Every structure is written in structure tokens, then in C-alpha cells.
Amino acid sequence: MKLAYCLPFLLVAAACGQSGAEYEPILDGAPSAAFQVDLTACQSLARDQKQFDSETVQAAVLGAGIGAVLGEVDSSDDPWGGAVVGALVGGASGVADADERREEIVVECMRGRGHRVVG
């Protein structure tokens, strides 16, 4: 039953898996002639970063452990169901963090190429 509640969130997380790499930063002023070329290169750099890195795996394992404990404490659920839901939620959280890191890569890359990025 818990898995059915988490499925929509997981689908959204999977669909947004590349959203950080597709980020288009906000500039202070007009874009330069090299803006689009630099943006494409920076987005490509961000896209090359692994989405499921060790931090994502750690978040999934931690979520599984917490879910198993909560599933054991709650007499109506079994620990396996809680572990599965916890792993899914932890993994989704890790994917969201990876997307934020990709967005930061785009911003810092553009700043490094001389663009006045404010966010």
C-alpha cells in the first residue's frame, strides 16, 4: 500500500532526472554573443555528472533502514514494506540533490566563462 503512495513521487523524480543539467541561469544584463555556446557546453558538463552517485546510494540505504525500523514499530506493516518505501524515498531525495548539484555546475561554469550569472 505504501508503495502505491510513493510511485507518483518516484515517477516525477525520474522525469526530472536531467532538470538540473538543463538549467538556464539568470543573467545580470544582456547575454553576450558567446552565451548560447557557453550555456550548451556548461549544460553538457553538468549532464555528464552521475545521477546515481555514492551519496544517492547512501540516502537510499539510510531510508531503507529507517523505513524498516518504522515498519517494525508499526504493527500494521511489515519491516520489508517500510524498507522498500524508505529506500525509494531516500533514493528520490538523492536524485533531487544530484539535480541541485548539476544546476550549481551550470551556474559556476557560466561564471567561470565570464558571464554575469546571478542565479
PDB file of N, CA and C in Angstrom:
ATOM      1  N   MET A   1       0.816  -1.201   0.000  1.00  0.00           N
ATOM      2  CA  MET A   1       0.000   0.000   0.000  1.00  0.00           C
ATOM      3  C   MET A   1       0.857   1.262   0.000  1.00  0.00           C
ATOM      4  N   LYS A   2       1.921   1.267   0.824  1.00  0.00           N
ATOM      5  CA  LYS A   2       2.787   2.442   0.872  1.00  0.00           C
ATOM      6  C   LYS A   2       3.467   2.688  -0.471  1.00  0.00           C
ATOM      7  N   LEU A   3       3.822   1.622  -1.152  1.00  0.00           N
ATOM      8  CA  LEU A   3       4.488   1.749  -2.443  1.00  0.00           C
ATOM      9  C   LEU A   3       3.610   2.491  -3.437  1.00  0.00           C
ATOM     10  N   ALA A   4       2.315   2.250  -3.390  1.00  0.00           N
ATOM     11  CA  ALA A   4       1.386   2.926  -4.295  1.00  0.00           C
ATOM     12  C   ALA A   4       1.383   4.434  -4.046  1.00  0.00           C
ATOM     13  N   TYR A   5       1.583   4.845  -2.800  1.00  0.00           N
ATOM     14  CA  TYR A   5       1.636   6.271  -2.490  1.00  0.00           C
ATOM     15  C   TYR A   5       2.926   6.908  -2.987  1.00  0.00           C
ATOM     16  N   CYS A   6       4.012   6.160  -2.979  1.00  0.00           N
ATOM     17  CA  CYS A   6       5.319   6.694  -3.375  1.00  0.00           C
ATOM     18  C   CYS A   6       5.523   6.708  -4.884  1.00  0.00           C
ATOM     19  N   LEU A   7       4.808   5.873  -5.599  1.00  0.00           N
ATOM     20  CA  LEU A   7       5.033   5.736  -7.034  1.00  0.00           C
ATOM     21  C   LEU A   7       4.923   7.057  -7.789  1.00  0.00           C
ATOM     22  N   PRO A   8       3.916   7.888  -7.552  1.00  0.00           N
ATOM     23  CA  PRO A   8       3.861   9.164  -8.281  1.00  0.00           C
ATOM     24  C   PRO A   8       5.083  10.050  -8.030  1.00  0.00           C
ATOM     25  N   PHE A   9       5.575  10.065  -6.798  1.00  0.00           N
ATOM     26  CA  PHE A   9       6.745  10.876  -6.483  1.00  0.00           C
ATOM     27  C   PHE A   9       7.984  10.351  -7.201  1.00  0.00           C
ATOM     28  N   LEU A  10       8.102   9.044  -7.295  1.00  0.00           N
ATOM     29  CA  LEU A  10       9.246   8.445  -7.973  1.00  0.00           C
ATOM     30  C   LEU A  10       9.205   8.726  -9.467  1.00  0.00           C
ATOM     31  N   LEU A  11       8.017   8.695 -10.040  1.00  0.00           N
ATOM     32  CA  LEU A  11       7.891   8.996 -11.463  1.00  0.00           C
ATOM     33  C   LEU A  11       8.274  10.439 -11.756  1.00  0.00           C
ATOM     34  N   VAL A  12       7.873  11.340 -10.877  1.00  0.00           N
ATOM     35  CA  VAL A  12       8.234  12.753 -11.046  1.00  0.00           C
ATOM     36  C   VAL A  12       9.742  12.920 -10.906  1.00  0.00           C
ATOM     37  N   ALA A  13      10.338  12.260  -9.925  1.00  0.00           N
ATOM     38  CA  ALA A  13      11.790  12.355  -9.728  1.00  0.00           C
ATOM     39  C   ALA A  13      12.535  11.813 -10.935  1.00  0.00           C
ATOM     40  N   ALA A  14      12.054  10.720 -11.494  1.00  0.00           N
ATOM     41  CA  ALA A  14      12.706  10.144 -12.676  1.00  0.00           C
ATOM     42  C   ALA A  14      12.560  11.068 -13.879  1.00  0.00           C
ATOM     43  N   ALA A  15      11.407  11.685 -14.013  1.00  0.00           N
ATOM     44  CA  ALA A  15      11.183  12.594 -15.142  1.00  0.00           C
ATOM     45  C   ALA A  15      12.039  13.842 -15.033  1.00  0.00           C
ATOM     46  N   CYS A  16      12.333  14.244 -13.821  1.00  0.00           N
ATOM     47  CA  CYS A  16      13.137  15.445 -13.608  1.00  0.00           C
ATOM     48  C   CYS A  16      14.616  15.122 -13.476  1.00  0.00           C
ATOM     49  N   GLY A  17      15.000  13.927 -13.789  1.00  0.00           N
ATOM     50  CA  GLY A  17      16.360  13.471 -13.585  1.00  0.00           C
ATOM     51  C   GLY A  17      17.420  14.301 -14.268  1.00  0.00           C
ATOM     52  N   GLN A  18      17.114  14.970 -15.346  1.00  0.00           N
ATOM     53  CA  GLN A  18      18.080  15.797 -16.051  1.00  0.00           C
ATOM     54  C   GLN A  18      17.792  17.282 -15.879  1.00  0.00           C
ATOM     55  N   SER A  19      16.807  17.641 -15.061  1.00  0.00           N
ATOM     56  CA  SER A  19      16.392  19.035 -14.989  1.00  0.00           C
ATOM     57  C   SER A  19      17.504  19.967 -14.525  1.00  0.00           C
ATOM     58  N   GLY A  20      18.369  19.521 -13.632  1.00  0.00           N
ATOM     59  CA  GLY A  20      19.459  20.373 -13.183  1.00  0.00           C
ATOM     60  C   GLY A  20      20.427  20.703 -14.297  1.00  0.00           C
ATOM     61  N   ALA A  21      20.653  19.747 -15.186  1.00  0.00           N
ATOM     62  CA  ALA A  21      21.577  19.958 -16.298  1.00  0.00           C
ATOM     63  C   ALA A  21      20.978  20.871 -17.364  1.00  0.00           C
ATOM     64  N   GLU A  22      19.678  20.991 -17.394  1.00  0.00           N
ATOM     65  CA  GLU A  22      19.007  21.832 -18.391  1.00  0.00           C
ATOM     66  C   GLU A  22      18.764  23.255 -17.885  1.00  0.00           C
ATOM     67  N   TYR A  23      19.268  23.551 -16.697  1.00  0.00           N
ATOM     68  CA  TYR A  23      19.048  24.860 -16.090  1.00  0.00           C
ATOM     69  C   TYR A  23      19.604  25.977 -16.963  1.00  0.00           C
ATOM     70  N   GLU A  24      18.834  27.040 -17.117  1.00  0.00           N
ATOM     71  CA  GLU A  24      19.280  28.232 -17.836  1.00  0.00           C
ATOM     72  C   GLU A  24      19.385  29.364 -16.823  1.00  0.00           C
ATOM     73  N   PRO A  25      20.597  29.808 -16.528  1.00  0.00           N
ATOM     74  CA  PRO A  25      20.796  30.786 -15.465  1.00  0.00           C
ATOM     75  C   PRO A  25      20.243  32.170 -15.801  1.00  0.00           C
ATOM     76  N   ILE A  26      20.026  32.926 -14.743  1.00  0.00           N
ATOM     77  CA  ILE A  26      19.553  34.303 -14.858  1.00  0.00           C
ATOM     78  C   ILE A  26      20.784  35.207 -14.904  1.00  0.00           C
ATOM     79  N   LEU A  27      20.802  36.100 -15.867  1.00  0.00           N
ATOM     80  CA  LEU A  27      21.949  36.995 -16.045  1.00  0.00           C
ATOM     81  C   LEU A  27      21.639  38.396 -15.555  1.00  0.00           C
ATOM     82  N   ASP A  28      22.677  39.080 -15.112  1.00  0.00           N
ATOM     83  CA  ASP A  28      22.588  40.499 -14.782  1.00  0.00           C
ATOM     84  C   ASP A  28      23.018  41.261 -16.034  1.00  0.00           C
ATOM     85  N   GLY A  29      22.062  41.598 -16.863  1.00  0.00           N
ATOM     86  CA  GLY A  29      22.351  42.272 -18.121  1.00  0.00           C
ATOM     87  C   GLY A  29      22.049  41.392 -19.308  1.00  0.00           C
ATOM     88  N   ALA A  30      22.381  41.889 -20.462  1.00  0.00           N
ATOM     89  CA  ALA A  30      22.113  41.177 -21.716  1.00  0.00           C
ATOM     90  C   ALA A  30      23.144  40.068 -21.928  1.00  0.00           C
ATOM     91  N   PRO A  31      22.725  38.978 -22.530  1.00  0.00           N
ATOM     92  CA  PRO A  31      23.681  37.904 -22.806  1.00  0.00           C
ATOM     93  C   PRO A  31      24.667  38.316 -23.900  1.00  0.00           C
ATOM     94  N   SER A  32      25.882  37.815 -23.766  1.00  0.00           N
ATOM     95  CA  SER A  32      26.909  38.113 -24.772  1.00  0.00           C
ATOM     96  C   SER A  32      26.709  37.216 -25.991  1.00  0.00           C
ATOM     97  N   ALA A  33      27.507  37.450 -27.005  1.00  0.00           N
ATOM     98  CA  ALA A  33      27.409  36.651 -28.230  1.00  0.00           C
ATOM     99  C   ALA A  33      27.761  35.190 -27.975  1.00  0.00           C
ATOM    100  N   ALA A  34      28.617  34.935 -27.009  1.00  0.00           N
ATOM    101  CA  ALA A  34      29.063  33.561 -26.717  1.00  0.00           C
ATOM    102  C   ALA A  34      28.143  32.847 -25.728  1.00  0.00           C
ATOM    103  N   PHE A  35      27.094  33.513 -25.273  1.00  0.00           N
ATOM    104  CA  PHE A  35      26.248  32.940 -24.221  1.00  0.00           C
ATOM    105  C   PHE A  35      25.702  31.566 -24.593  1.00  0.00           C
ATOM    106  N   GLN A  36      25.085  31.426 -25.736  1.00  0.00           N
ATOM    107  CA  GLN A  36      24.426  30.162 -26.087  1.00  0.00           C
ATOM    108  C   GLN A  36      25.430  29.026 -26.248  1.00  0.00           C
ATOM    109  N   VAL A  37      26.578  29.312 -26.836  1.00  0.00           N
ATOM    110  CA  VAL A  37      27.616  28.282 -26.991  1.00  0.00           C
ATOM    111  C   VAL A  37      28.130  27.855 -25.621  1.00  0.00           C
ATOM    112  N   ASP A  38      28.400  28.823 -24.749  1.00  0.00           N
ATOM    113  CA  ASP A  38      28.884  28.516 -23.403  1.00  0.00           C
ATOM    114  C   ASP A  38      27.824  27.771 -22.598  1.00  0.00           C
ATOM    115  N   LEU A  39      26.565  28.181 -22.716  1.00  0.00           N
ATOM    116  CA  LEU A  39      25.494  27.509 -21.986  1.00  0.00           C
ATOM    117  C   LEU A  39      25.386  26.053 -22.408  1.00  0.00           C
ATOM    118  N   THR A  40      25.445  25.794 -23.699  1.00  0.00           N
ATOM    119  CA  THR A  40      25.375  24.414 -24.187  1.00  0.00           C
ATOM    120  C   THR A  40      26.533  23.586 -23.642  1.00  0.00           C
ATOM    121  N   ALA A  41      27.720  24.153 -23.624  1.00  0.00           N
ATOM    122  CA  ALA A  41      28.890  23.436 -23.105  1.00  0.00           C
ATOM    123  C   ALA A  41      28.762  23.176 -21.605  1.00  0.00           C
ATOM    124  N   CYS A  42      28.289  24.161 -20.853  1.00  0.00           N
ATOM    125  CA  CYS A  42      28.138  24.005 -19.404  1.00  0.00           C
ATOM    126  C   CYS A  42      27.036  23.000 -19.069  1.00  0.00           C
ATOM    127  N   GLN A  43      25.955  23.023 -19.815  1.00  0.00           N
ATOM    128  CA  GLN A  43      24.881  22.048 -19.596  1.00  0.00           C
ATOM    129  C   GLN A  43      25.365  20.637 -19.917  1.00  0.00           C
ATOM    130  N   SER A  44      26.183  20.514 -20.936  1.00  0.00           N
ATOM    131  CA  SER A  44      26.746  19.207 -21.287  1.00  0.00           C
ATOM    132  C   SER A  44      27.654  18.699 -20.169  1.00  0.00           C
ATOM    133  N   LEU A  45      28.454  19.596 -19.612  1.00  0.00           N
ATOM    134  CA  LEU A  45      29.320  19.240 -18.491  1.00  0.00           C
ATOM    135  C   LEU A  45      28.486  18.745 -17.307  1.00  0.00           C
ATOM    136  N   ALA A  46      27.417  19.459 -16.991  1.00  0.00           N
ATOM    137  CA  ALA A  46      26.550  19.073 -15.876  1.00  0.00           C
ATOM    138  C   ALA A  46      25.841  17.748 -16.160  1.00  0.00           C
ATOM    139  N   ARG A  47      25.427  17.542 -17.387  1.00  0.00           N
ATOM    140  CA  ARG A  47      24.716  16.323 -17.778  1.00  0.00           C
ATOM    141  C   ARG A  47      25.614  15.093 -17.632  1.00  0.00           C
ATOM    142  N   ASP A  48      26.921  15.276 -17.798  1.00  0.00           N
ATOM    143  CA  ASP A  48      27.861  14.161 -17.700  1.00  0.00           C
ATOM    144  C   ASP A  48      28.074  13.674 -16.275  1.00  0.00           C
ATOM    145  N   GLN A  49      27.607  14.426 -15.295  1.00  0.00           N
ATOM    146  CA  GLN A  49      27.770  14.019 -13.902  1.00  0.00           C
ATOM    147  C   GLN A  49      26.797  12.896 -13.582  1.00  0.00           C
ATOM    148  N   LYS A  50      27.252  11.919 -12.829  1.00  0.00           N
ATOM    149  CA  LYS A  50      26.416  10.763 -12.495  1.00  0.00           C
ATOM    150  C   LYS A  50      25.237  11.187 -11.633  1.00  0.00           C
ATOM    151  N   GLN A  51      24.078  10.669 -11.975  1.00  0.00           N
ATOM    152  CA  GLN A  51      22.877  10.967 -11.191  1.00  0.00           C
ATOM    153  C   GLN A  51      22.806  10.075  -9.959  1.00  0.00           C
ATOM    154  N   PHE A  52      23.203   8.829 -10.113  1.00  0.00           N
ATOM    155  CA  PHE A  52      23.150   7.889  -9.002  1.00  0.00           C
ATOM    156  C   PHE A  52      24.568   7.681  -8.481  1.00  0.00           C
ATOM    157  N   ASP A  53      25.040   8.655  -7.706  1.00  0.00           N
ATOM    158  CA  ASP A  53      26.376   8.575  -7.152  1.00  0.00           C
ATOM    159  C   ASP A  53      26.324   7.927  -5.771  1.00  0.00           C
ATOM    160  N   SER A  54      27.449   7.904  -5.097  1.00  0.00           N
ATOM    161  CA  SER A  54      27.507   7.239  -3.796  1.00  0.00           C
ATOM    162  C   SER A  54      26.601   7.910  -2.764  1.00  0.00           C
ATOM    163  N   GLU A  55      26.422   9.226  -2.862  1.00  0.00           N
ATOM    164  CA  GLU A  55      25.529   9.913  -1.919  1.00  0.00           C
ATOM    165  C   GLU A  55      24.082   9.469  -2.112  1.00  0.00           C
ATOM    166  N   THR A  56      23.671   9.249  -3.352  1.00  0.00           N
ATOM    167  CA  THR A  56      22.316   8.774  -3.633  1.00  0.00           C
ATOM    168  C   THR A  56      22.123   7.376  -3.071  1.00  0.00           C
ATOM    169  N   VAL A  57      23.116   6.524  -3.244  1.00  0.00           N
ATOM    170  CA  VAL A  57      23.045   5.166  -2.709  1.00  0.00           C
ATOM    171  C   VAL A  57      22.983   5.204  -1.189  1.00  0.00           C
ATOM    172  N   GLN A  58      23.789   6.054  -0.575  1.00  0.00           N
ATOM    173  CA  GLN A  58      23.772   6.171   0.882  1.00  0.00           C
ATOM    174  C   GLN A  58      22.413   6.649   1.380  1.00  0.00           C
ATOM    175  N   ALA A  59      21.806   7.598   0.670  1.00  0.00           N
ATOM    176  CA  ALA A  59      20.477   8.085   1.065  1.00  0.00           C
ATOM    177  C   ALA A  59      19.443   6.965   0.950  1.00  0.00           C
ATOM    178  N   ALA A  60      19.540   6.139  -0.086  1.00  0.00           N
ATOM    179  CA  ALA A  60      18.609   5.025  -0.257  1.00  0.00           C
ATOM    180  C   ALA A  60      18.788   3.994   0.853  1.00  0.00           C
ATOM    181  N   VAL A  61      20.032   3.685   1.215  1.00  0.00           N
ATOM    182  CA  VAL A  61      20.296   2.706   2.274  1.00  0.00           C
ATOM    183  C   VAL A  61      19.806   3.233   3.617  1.00  0.00           C
ATOM    184  N   LEU A  62      20.089   4.498   3.896  1.00  0.00           N
ATOM    185  CA  LEU A  62      19.615   5.099   5.141  1.00  0.00           C
ATOM    186  C   LEU A  62      18.092   5.094   5.193  1.00  0.00           C
ATOM    187  N   GLY A  63      17.453   5.447   4.088  1.00  0.00           N
ATOM    188  CA  GLY A  63      15.988   5.422   4.034  1.00  0.00           C
ATOM    189  C   GLY A  63      15.439   4.033   4.248  1.00  0.00           C
ATOM    190  N   ALA A  64      16.103   3.020   3.692  1.00  0.00           N
ATOM    191  CA  ALA A  64      15.662   1.637   3.880  1.00  0.00           C
ATOM    192  C   ALA A  64      15.747   1.241   5.348  1.00  0.00           C
ATOM    193  N   GLY A  65      16.829   1.627   5.992  1.00  0.00           N
ATOM    194  CA  GLY A  65      16.986   1.304   7.413  1.00  0.00           C
ATOM    195  C   GLY A  65      15.928   1.969   8.273  1.00  0.00           C
ATOM    196  N   ILE A  66      15.701   3.236   8.049  1.00  0.00           N
ATOM    197  CA  ILE A  66      14.682   3.965   8.814  1.00  0.00           C
ATOM    198  C   ILE A  66      13.303   3.393   8.523  1.00  0.00           C
ATOM    199  N   GLY A  67      13.029   3.111   7.250  1.00  0.00           N
ATOM    200  CA  GLY A  67      11.728   2.529   6.892  1.00  0.00           C
ATOM    201  C   GLY A  67      11.510   1.171   7.517  1.00  0.00           C
ATOM    202  N   ALA A  68      12.552   0.354   7.587  1.00  0.00           N
ATOM    203  CA  ALA A  68      12.434  -0.970   8.206  1.00  0.00           C
ATOM    204  C   ALA A  68      12.129  -0.843   9.689  1.00  0.00           C
ATOM    205  N   VAL A  69      12.801   0.084  10.354  1.00  0.00           N
ATOM    206  CA  VAL A  69      12.544   0.286  11.789  1.00  0.00           C
ATOM    207  C   VAL A  69      11.120   0.768  12.006  1.00  0.00           C
ATOM    208  N   LEU A  70      10.691   1.742  11.206  1.00  0.00           N
ATOM    209  CA  LEU A  70       9.326   2.249  11.354  1.00  0.00           C
ATOM    210  C   LEU A  70       8.292   1.185  10.997  1.00  0.00           C
ATOM    211  N   GLY A  71       8.585   0.369   9.998  1.00  0.00           N
ATOM    212  CA  GLY A  71       7.675  -0.714   9.635  1.00  0.00           C
ATOM    213  C   GLY A  71       7.564  -1.747  10.725  1.00  0.00           C
ATOM    214  N   GLU A  72       8.637  -1.990  11.446  1.00  0.00           N
ATOM    215  CA  GLU A  72       8.627  -2.952  12.557  1.00  0.00           C
ATOM    216  C   GLU A  72       7.863  -2.387  13.747  1.00  0.00           C
ATOM    217  N   VAL A  73       8.018  -1.095  14.003  1.00  0.00           N
ATOM    218  CA  VAL A  73       7.339  -0.456  15.135  1.00  0.00           C
ATOM    219  C   VAL A  73       5.837  -0.408  14.891  1.00  0.00           C
ATOM    220  N   ASP A  74       5.425  -0.097  13.673  1.00  0.00           N
ATOM    221  CA  ASP A  74       4.005  -0.026  13.322  1.00  0.00           C
ATOM    222  C   ASP A  74       3.502  -1.444  13.101  1.00  0.00           C
ATOM    223  N   SER A  75       2.635  -1.922  13.977  1.00  0.00           N
ATOM    224  CA  SER A  75       2.205  -3.323  13.943  1.00  0.00           C
ATOM    225  C   SER A  75       1.408  -3.678  12.690  1.00  0.00           C
ATOM    226  N   SER A  76       0.873  -2.689  11.979  1.00  0.00           N
ATOM    227  CA  SER A  76       0.074  -2.997  10.799  1.00  0.00           C
ATOM    228  C   SER A  76       0.925  -3.227   9.560  1.00  0.00           C
ATOM    229  N   ASP A  77       2.183  -2.873   9.600  1.00  0.00           N
ATOM    230  CA  ASP A  77       3.067  -3.027   8.447  1.00  0.00           C
ATOM    231  C   ASP A  77       4.226  -3.949   8.783  1.00  0.00           C
ATOM    232  N   ASP A  78       4.810  -4.511   7.759  1.00  0.00           N
ATOM    233  CA  ASP A  78       5.990  -5.343   7.969  1.00  0.00           C
ATOM    234  C   ASP A  78       7.246  -4.521   7.705  1.00  0.00           C
ATOM    235  N   PRO A  79       8.391  -4.946   8.235  1.00  0.00           N
ATOM    236  CA  PRO A  79       9.609  -4.166   8.039  1.00  0.00           C
ATOM    237  C   PRO A  79      10.062  -4.106   6.583  1.00  0.00           C
ATOM    238  N   TRP A  80       9.724  -5.131   5.781  1.00  0.00           N
ATOM    239  CA  TRP A  80      10.146  -5.119   4.375  1.00  0.00           C
ATOM    240  C   TRP A  80       9.440  -4.019   3.589  1.00  0.00           C
ATOM    241  N   GLY A  81       8.160  -3.846   3.854  1.00  0.00           N
ATOM    242  CA  GLY A  81       7.420  -2.774   3.178  1.00  0.00           C
ATOM    243  C   GLY A  81       7.992  -1.412   3.534  1.00  0.00           C
ATOM    244  N   GLY A  82       8.291  -1.231   4.818  1.00  0.00           N
ATOM    245  CA  GLY A  82       8.888   0.030   5.259  1.00  0.00           C
ATOM    246  C   GLY A  82      10.264   0.244   4.658  1.00  0.00           C
ATOM    247  N   ALA A  83      11.033  -0.835   4.536  1.00  0.00           N
ATOM    248  CA  ALA A  83      12.369  -0.732   3.962  1.00  0.00           C
ATOM    249  C   ALA A  83      12.303  -0.327   2.493  1.00  0.00           C
ATOM    250  N   VAL A  84      11.363  -0.916   1.761  1.00  0.00           N
ATOM    251  CA  VAL A  84      11.221  -0.592   0.341  1.00  0.00           C
ATOM    252  C   VAL A  84      10.820   0.868   0.166  1.00  0.00           C
ATOM    253  N   VAL A  85       9.824   1.286   0.924  1.00  0.00           N
ATOM    254  CA  VAL A  85       9.370   2.677   0.822  1.00  0.00           C
ATOM    255  C   VAL A  85      10.481   3.632   1.248  1.00  0.00           C
ATOM    256  N   GLY A  86      11.173   3.299   2.331  1.00  0.00           N
ATOM    257  CA  GLY A  86      12.272   4.148   2.788  1.00  0.00           C
ATOM    258  C   GLY A  86      13.382   4.251   1.768  1.00  0.00           C
ATOM    259  N   ALA A  87      13.719   3.136   1.117  1.00  0.00           N
ATOM    260  CA  ALA A  87      14.760   3.156   0.087  1.00  0.00           C
ATOM    261  C   ALA A  87      14.337   4.016  -1.097  1.00  0.00           C
ATOM    262  N   LEU A  88      13.078   3.919  -1.486  1.00  0.00           N
ATOM    263  CA  LEU A  88      12.586   4.720  -2.609  1.00  0.00           C
ATOM    264  C   LEU A  88      12.604   6.207  -2.288  1.00  0.00           C
ATOM    265  N   VAL A  89      12.159   6.539  -1.092  1.00  0.00           N
ATOM    266  CA  VAL A  89      12.144   7.952  -0.692  1.00  0.00           C
ATOM    267  C   VAL A  89      13.575   8.479  -0.559  1.00  0.00           C
ATOM    268  N   GLY A  90      14.451   7.686   0.053  1.00  0.00           N
ATOM    269  CA  GLY A  90      15.844   8.097   0.186  1.00  0.00           C
ATOM    270  C   GLY A  90      16.519   8.262  -1.168  1.00  0.00           C
ATOM    271  N   GLY A  91      16.249   7.328  -2.072  1.00  0.00           N
ATOM    272  CA  GLY A  91      16.814   7.416  -3.418  1.00  0.00           C
ATOM    273  C   GLY A  91      16.316   8.633  -4.164  1.00  0.00           C
ATOM    274  N   ALA A  92      15.019   8.910  -4.032  1.00  0.00           N
ATOM    275  CA  ALA A  92      14.448  10.094  -4.695  1.00  0.00           C
ATOM    276  C   ALA A  92      15.073  11.368  -4.141  1.00  0.00           C
ATOM    277  N   SER A  93      15.328  11.385  -2.851  1.00  0.00           N
ATOM    278  CA  SER A  93      15.985  12.540  -2.242  1.00  0.00           C
ATOM    279  C   SER A  93      17.400  12.706  -2.794  1.00  0.00           C
ATOM    280  N   GLY A  94      18.097  11.600  -2.977  1.00  0.00           N
ATOM    281  CA  GLY A  94      19.439  11.647  -3.544  1.00  0.00           C
ATOM    282  C   GLY A  94      19.445  12.161  -4.968  1.00  0.00           C
ATOM    283  N   VAL A  95      18.442  11.761  -5.742  1.00  0.00           N
ATOM    284  CA  VAL A  95      18.327  12.237  -7.127  1.00  0.00           C
ATOM    285  C   VAL A  95      18.075  13.746  -7.142  1.00  0.00           C
ATOM    286  N   ALA A  96      17.233  14.219  -6.228  1.00  0.00           N
ATOM    287  CA  ALA A  96      16.963  15.662  -6.149  1.00  0.00           C
ATOM    288  C   ALA A  96      18.239  16.428  -5.802  1.00  0.00           C
ATOM    289  N   ASP A  97      19.043  15.871  -4.887  1.00  0.00           N
ATOM    290  CA  ASP A  97      20.310  16.520  -4.539  1.00  0.00           C
ATOM    291  C   ASP A  97      21.255  16.551  -5.739  1.00  0.00           C
ATOM    292  N   ALA A  98      21.280  15.465  -6.510  1.00  0.00           N
ATOM    293  CA  ALA A  98      22.131  15.415  -7.702  1.00  0.00           C
ATOM    294  C   ALA A  98      21.695  16.467  -8.709  1.00  0.00           C
ATOM    295  N   ASP A  99      20.390  16.692  -8.844  1.00  0.00           N
ATOM    296  CA  ASP A  99      19.896  17.731  -9.757  1.00  0.00           C
ATOM    297  C   ASP A  99      20.333  19.116  -9.305  1.00  0.00           C
ATOM    298  N   GLU A 100      20.313  19.349  -7.997  1.00  0.00           N
ATOM    299  CA  GLU A 100      20.766  20.638  -7.474  1.00  0.00           C
ATOM    300  C   GLU A 100      22.252  20.841  -7.760  1.00  0.00           C
ATOM    301  N   ARG A 101      23.042  19.770  -7.610  1.00  0.00           N
ATOM    302  CA  ARG A 101      24.475  19.877  -7.905  1.00  0.00           C
ATOM    303  C   ARG A 101      24.696  20.176  -9.387  1.00  0.00           C
ATOM    304  N   ARG A 102      23.902  19.584 -10.253  1.00  0.00           N
ATOM    305  CA  ARG A 102      24.032  19.856 -11.688  1.00  0.00           C
ATOM    306  C   ARG A 102      23.717  21.317 -11.991  1.00  0.00           C
ATOM    307  N   GLU A 103      22.696  21.834 -11.352  1.00  0.00           N
ATOM    308  CA  GLU A 103      22.346  23.243 -11.551  1.00  0.00           C
ATOM    309  C   GLU A 103      23.493  24.139 -11.100  1.00  0.00           C
ATOM    310  N   GLU A 104      24.103  23.805  -9.971  1.00  0.00           N
ATOM    311  CA  GLU A 104      25.243  24.578  -9.478  1.00  0.00           C
ATOM    312  C   GLU A 104      26.420  24.508 -10.449  1.00  0.00           C
ATOM    313  N   ILE A 105      26.606  23.352 -11.086  1.00  0.00           N
ATOM    314  CA  ILE A 105      27.677  23.208 -12.066  1.00  0.00           C
ATOM    315  C   ILE A 105      27.451  24.162 -13.232  1.00  0.00           C
ATOM    316  N   VAL A 106      26.206  24.238 -13.707  1.00  0.00           N
ATOM    317  CA  VAL A 106      25.892  25.147 -14.818  1.00  0.00           C
ATOM    318  C   VAL A 106      26.187  26.585 -14.422  1.00  0.00           C
ATOM    319  N   VAL A 107      25.742  26.984 -13.237  1.00  0.00           N
ATOM    320  CA  VAL A 107      25.940  28.364 -12.778  1.00  0.00           C
ATOM    321  C   VAL A 107      27.425  28.682 -12.657  1.00  0.00           C
ATOM    322  N   GLU A 108      28.176  27.830 -11.979  1.00  0.00           N
ATOM    323  CA  GLU A 108      29.610  28.094 -11.772  1.00  0.00           C
ATOM    324  C   GLU A 108      30.393  28.040 -13.082  1.00  0.00           C
ATOM    325  N   CYS A 109      30.018  27.148 -13.968  1.00  0.00           N
ATOM    326  CA  CYS A 109      30.670  27.056 -15.273  1.00  0.00           C
ATOM    327  C   CYS A 109      30.458  28.349 -16.061  1.00  0.00           C
ATOM    328  N   MET A 110      29.240  28.856 -16.043  1.00  0.00           N
ATOM    329  CA  MET A 110      28.947  30.093 -16.771  1.00  0.00           C
ATOM    330  C   MET A 110      29.680  31.279 -16.149  1.00  0.00           C
ATOM    331  N   ARG A 111      29.752  31.316 -14.832  1.00  0.00           N
ATOM    332  CA  ARG A 111      30.516  32.386 -14.180  1.00  0.00           C
ATOM    333  C   ARG A 111      31.990  32.288 -14.556  1.00  0.00           C
ATOM    334  N   GLY A 112      32.498  31.060 -14.597  1.00  0.00           N
ATOM    335  CA  GLY A 112      33.888  30.850 -14.961  1.00  0.00           C
ATOM    336  C   GLY A 112      34.200  31.284 -16.382  1.00  0.00           C
ATOM    337  N   ARG A 113      33.181  31.294 -17.225  1.00  0.00           N
ATOM    338  CA  ARG A 113      33.370  31.727 -18.621  1.00  0.00           C
ATOM    339  C   ARG A 113      33.092  33.218 -18.796  1.00  0.00           C
ATOM    340  N   GLY A 114      32.915  33.916 -17.684  1.00  0.00           N
ATOM    341  CA  GLY A 114      32.808  35.373 -17.729  1.00  0.00           C
ATOM    342  C   GLY A 114      31.402  35.933 -17.819  1.00  0.00           C
ATOM    343  N   HIS A 115      30.377  35.121 -17.659  1.00  0.00           N
ATOM    344  CA  HIS A 115      29.002  35.616 -17.713  1.00  0.00           C
ATOM    345  C   HIS A 115      28.577  36.081 -16.332  1.00  0.00           C
ATOM    346  N   ARG A 116      27.801  37.145 -16.285  1.00  0.00           N
ATOM    347  CA  ARG A 116      27.353  37.711 -15.012  1.00  0.00           C
ATOM    348  C   ARG A 116      26.084  37.010 -14.551  1.00  0.00           C
ATOM    349  N   VAL A 117      26.262  35.820 -13.999  1.00  0.00           N
ATOM    350  CA  VAL A 117      25.138  34.996 -13.543  1.00  0.00           C
ATOM    351  C   VAL A 117      24.785  35.381 -12.119  1.00  0.00           C
ATOM    352  N   VAL A 118      23.487  35.640 -11.889  1.00  0.00           N
ATOM    353  CA  VAL A 118      23.011  35.968 -10.546  1.00  0.00           C
ATOM    354  C   VAL A 118      22.218  34.819  -9.926  1.00  0.00           C
ATOM    355  N   GLY A 119      21.868  33.868 -10.678  1.00  0.00           N
ATOM    356  CA  GLY A 119      21.120  32.733 -10.124  1.00  0.00           C
ATOM    357  C   GLY A 119      20.613  31.798 -11.174  1.00  0.00           C
TER     358      GLY A 119
END
